[in-house]
Amino acid sequence: MTEKRTMNVRCPKCNESFSYYSSEFRPFCSERCKQVDLGNWFTENYRVPSKENLSEDDIEVVLKNLNDGDTEYED
């Protein structure tokens, strides 16, 4: 006999309570919350901090983009 695992958690996006193991979108409660979170990563609303200093080339690109009003980054 196999017991089905249950664990109620809160969605990190909307704070709604849901059953973790029954959600196909975990750790989110729904596809919408999953997509909203992904959109925040794509638009750089979320960022991972770095302990490394920017190189001179990186600083030049940032300053150029700020001066041009450009939201895209150069490769």
C-alpha atoms as a PDB file:
ATOM      1  CA  MET A   1       0.000   0.000   0.000  1.00  0.00           C
ATOM      2  CA  THR A   2       1.486   3.331  -1.076  1.00  0.00           C
ATOM      3  CA  GLU A   3       0.533   6.491   0.773  1.00  0.00           C
ATOM      4  CA  LYS A   4       0.134   9.618  -1.281  1.00  0.00           C
ATOM      5  CA  ARG A   5       2.354  12.382   0.034  1.00  0.00           C
ATOM      6  CA  THR A   6       0.698  15.654   0.963  1.00  0.00           C
ATOM      7  CA  MET A   7       2.188  18.929   1.999  1.00  0.00           C
ATOM      8  CA  ASN A   8       0.399  22.260   1.958  1.00  0.00           C
ATOM      9  CA  VAL A   9       2.615  25.230   1.177  1.00  0.00           C
ATOM     10  CA  ARG A  10       2.195  28.864   0.162  1.00  0.00           C
ATOM     11  CA  CYS A  11       2.842  30.001  -3.389  1.00  0.00           C
ATOM     12  CA  PRO A  12       5.926  32.283  -3.450  1.00  0.00           C
ATOM     13  CA  LYS A  13       4.178  34.611  -5.907  1.00  0.00           C
ATOM     14  CA  CYS A  14       0.593  35.037  -4.640  1.00  0.00           C
ATOM     15  CA  ASN A  15       0.833  33.473  -1.159  1.00  0.00           C
ATOM     16  CA  GLU A  16      -2.108  31.133  -1.909  1.00  0.00           C
ATOM     17  CA  SER A  17      -2.067  27.825  -0.019  1.00  0.00           C
ATOM     18  CA  PHE A  18      -1.912  24.700  -2.223  1.00  0.00           C
ATOM     19  CA  SER A  19      -0.943  21.035  -2.133  1.00  0.00           C
ATOM     20  CA  TYR A  20       2.704  20.948  -3.200  1.00  0.00           C
ATOM     21  CA  TYR A  21       2.811  17.411  -4.604  1.00  0.00           C
ATOM     22  CA  SER A  22      -0.380  17.765  -6.628  1.00  0.00           C
ATOM     23  CA  SER A  23       0.700  20.944  -8.439  1.00  0.00           C
ATOM     24  CA  GLU A  24       2.335  20.522 -11.833  1.00  0.00           C
ATOM     25  CA  PHE A  25       3.623  24.111 -11.538  1.00  0.00           C
ATOM     26  CA  ARG A  26       5.441  23.751  -8.222  1.00  0.00           C
ATOM     27  CA  PRO A  27       6.812  25.610  -6.430  1.00  0.00           C
ATOM     28  CA  PHE A  28       3.977  27.794  -7.759  1.00  0.00           C
ATOM     29  CA  CYS A  29       0.255  27.187  -7.370  1.00  0.00           C
ATOM     30  CA  SER A  30      -0.641  27.874 -11.004  1.00  0.00           C
ATOM     31  CA  GLU A  31       0.732  28.463 -14.461  1.00  0.00           C
ATOM     32  CA  ARG A  32      -0.087  32.152 -14.111  1.00  0.00           C
ATOM     33  CA  CYS A  33       2.129  32.537 -10.999  1.00  0.00           C
ATOM     34  CA  LYS A  34       4.876  30.571 -12.734  1.00  0.00           C
ATOM     35  CA  GLN A  35       4.693  32.823 -15.829  1.00  0.00           C
ATOM     36  CA  VAL A  36       4.607  36.041 -13.791  1.00  0.00           C
ATOM     37  CA  ASP A  37       7.742  34.938 -11.934  1.00  0.00           C
ATOM     38  CA  LEU A  38       9.486  33.989 -15.195  1.00  0.00           C
ATOM     39  CA  GLY A  39       8.538  37.365 -16.665  1.00  0.00           C
ATOM     40  CA  ASN A  40      10.186  39.091 -13.705  1.00  0.00           C
ATOM     41  CA  TRP A  41      13.439  37.256 -14.466  1.00  0.00           C
ATOM     42  CA  PHE A  42      13.224  38.117 -18.189  1.00  0.00           C
ATOM     43  CA  THR A  43      12.649  41.813 -17.511  1.00  0.00           C
ATOM     44  CA  GLU A  44      15.442  41.804 -14.911  1.00  0.00           C
ATOM     45  CA  ASN A  45      13.163  42.730 -12.011  1.00  0.00           C
ATOM     46  CA  TYR A  46      14.996  39.922 -10.194  1.00  0.00           C
ATOM     47  CA  ARG A  47      18.778  39.920 -10.134  1.00  0.00           C
ATOM     48  CA  VAL A  48      21.418  37.681  -8.646  1.00  0.00           C
ATOM     49  CA  PRO A  49      24.029  39.749  -6.810  1.00  0.00           C
ATOM     50  CA  SER A  50      27.675  39.389  -7.701  1.00  0.00           C
ATOM     51  CA  LYS A  51      30.723  39.903  -5.534  1.00  0.00           C
ATOM     52  CA  GLU A  52      32.848  40.597  -8.591  1.00  0.00           C
ATOM     53  CA  ASN A  53      33.588  44.166  -9.603  1.00  0.00           C
ATOM     54  CA  LEU A  54      32.522  45.319 -13.047  1.00  0.00           C
ATOM     55  CA  SER A  55      35.255  45.331 -15.643  1.00  0.00           C
ATOM     56  CA  GLU A  56      36.120  48.540 -17.494  1.00  0.00           C
ATOM     57  CA  ASP A  57      34.347  47.168 -20.587  1.00  0.00           C
ATOM     58  CA  ASP A  58      31.190  46.441 -18.556  1.00  0.00           C
ATOM     59  CA  ILE A  59      31.217  49.943 -17.091  1.00  0.00           C
ATOM     60  CA  GLU A  60      31.550  51.466 -20.566  1.00  0.00           C
ATOM     61  CA  VAL A  61      28.551  49.459 -21.824  1.00  0.00           C
ATOM     62  CA  VAL A  62      26.427  50.475 -18.821  1.00  0.00           C
ATOM     63  CA  LEU A  63      27.321  54.147 -19.232  1.00  0.00           C
ATOM     64  CA  LYS A  64      26.670  54.047 -22.977  1.00  0.00           C
ATOM     65  CA  ASN A  65      23.273  52.428 -22.444  1.00  0.00           C
ATOM     66  CA  LEU A  66      22.364  54.972 -19.778  1.00  0.00           C
ATOM     67  CA  ASN A  67      23.337  57.852 -22.057  1.00  0.00           C
ATOM     68  CA  ASP A  68      21.479  56.400 -25.038  1.00  0.00           C
ATOM     69  CA  GLY A  69      18.414  55.512 -22.978  1.00  0.00           C
ATOM     70  CA  ASP A  70      18.852  51.970 -24.295  1.00  0.00           C
ATOM     71  CA  THR A  71      17.327  49.118 -22.273  1.00  0.00           C
ATOM     72  CA  GLU A  72      19.069  46.419 -24.317  1.00  0.00           C
ATOM     73  CA  TYR A  73      22.574  45.201 -23.550  1.00  0.00           C
ATOM     74  CA  GLU A  74      25.408  44.805 -25.997  1.00  0.00           C
ATOM     75  CA  ASP A  75      27.056  41.411 -26.397  1.00  0.00           C
END
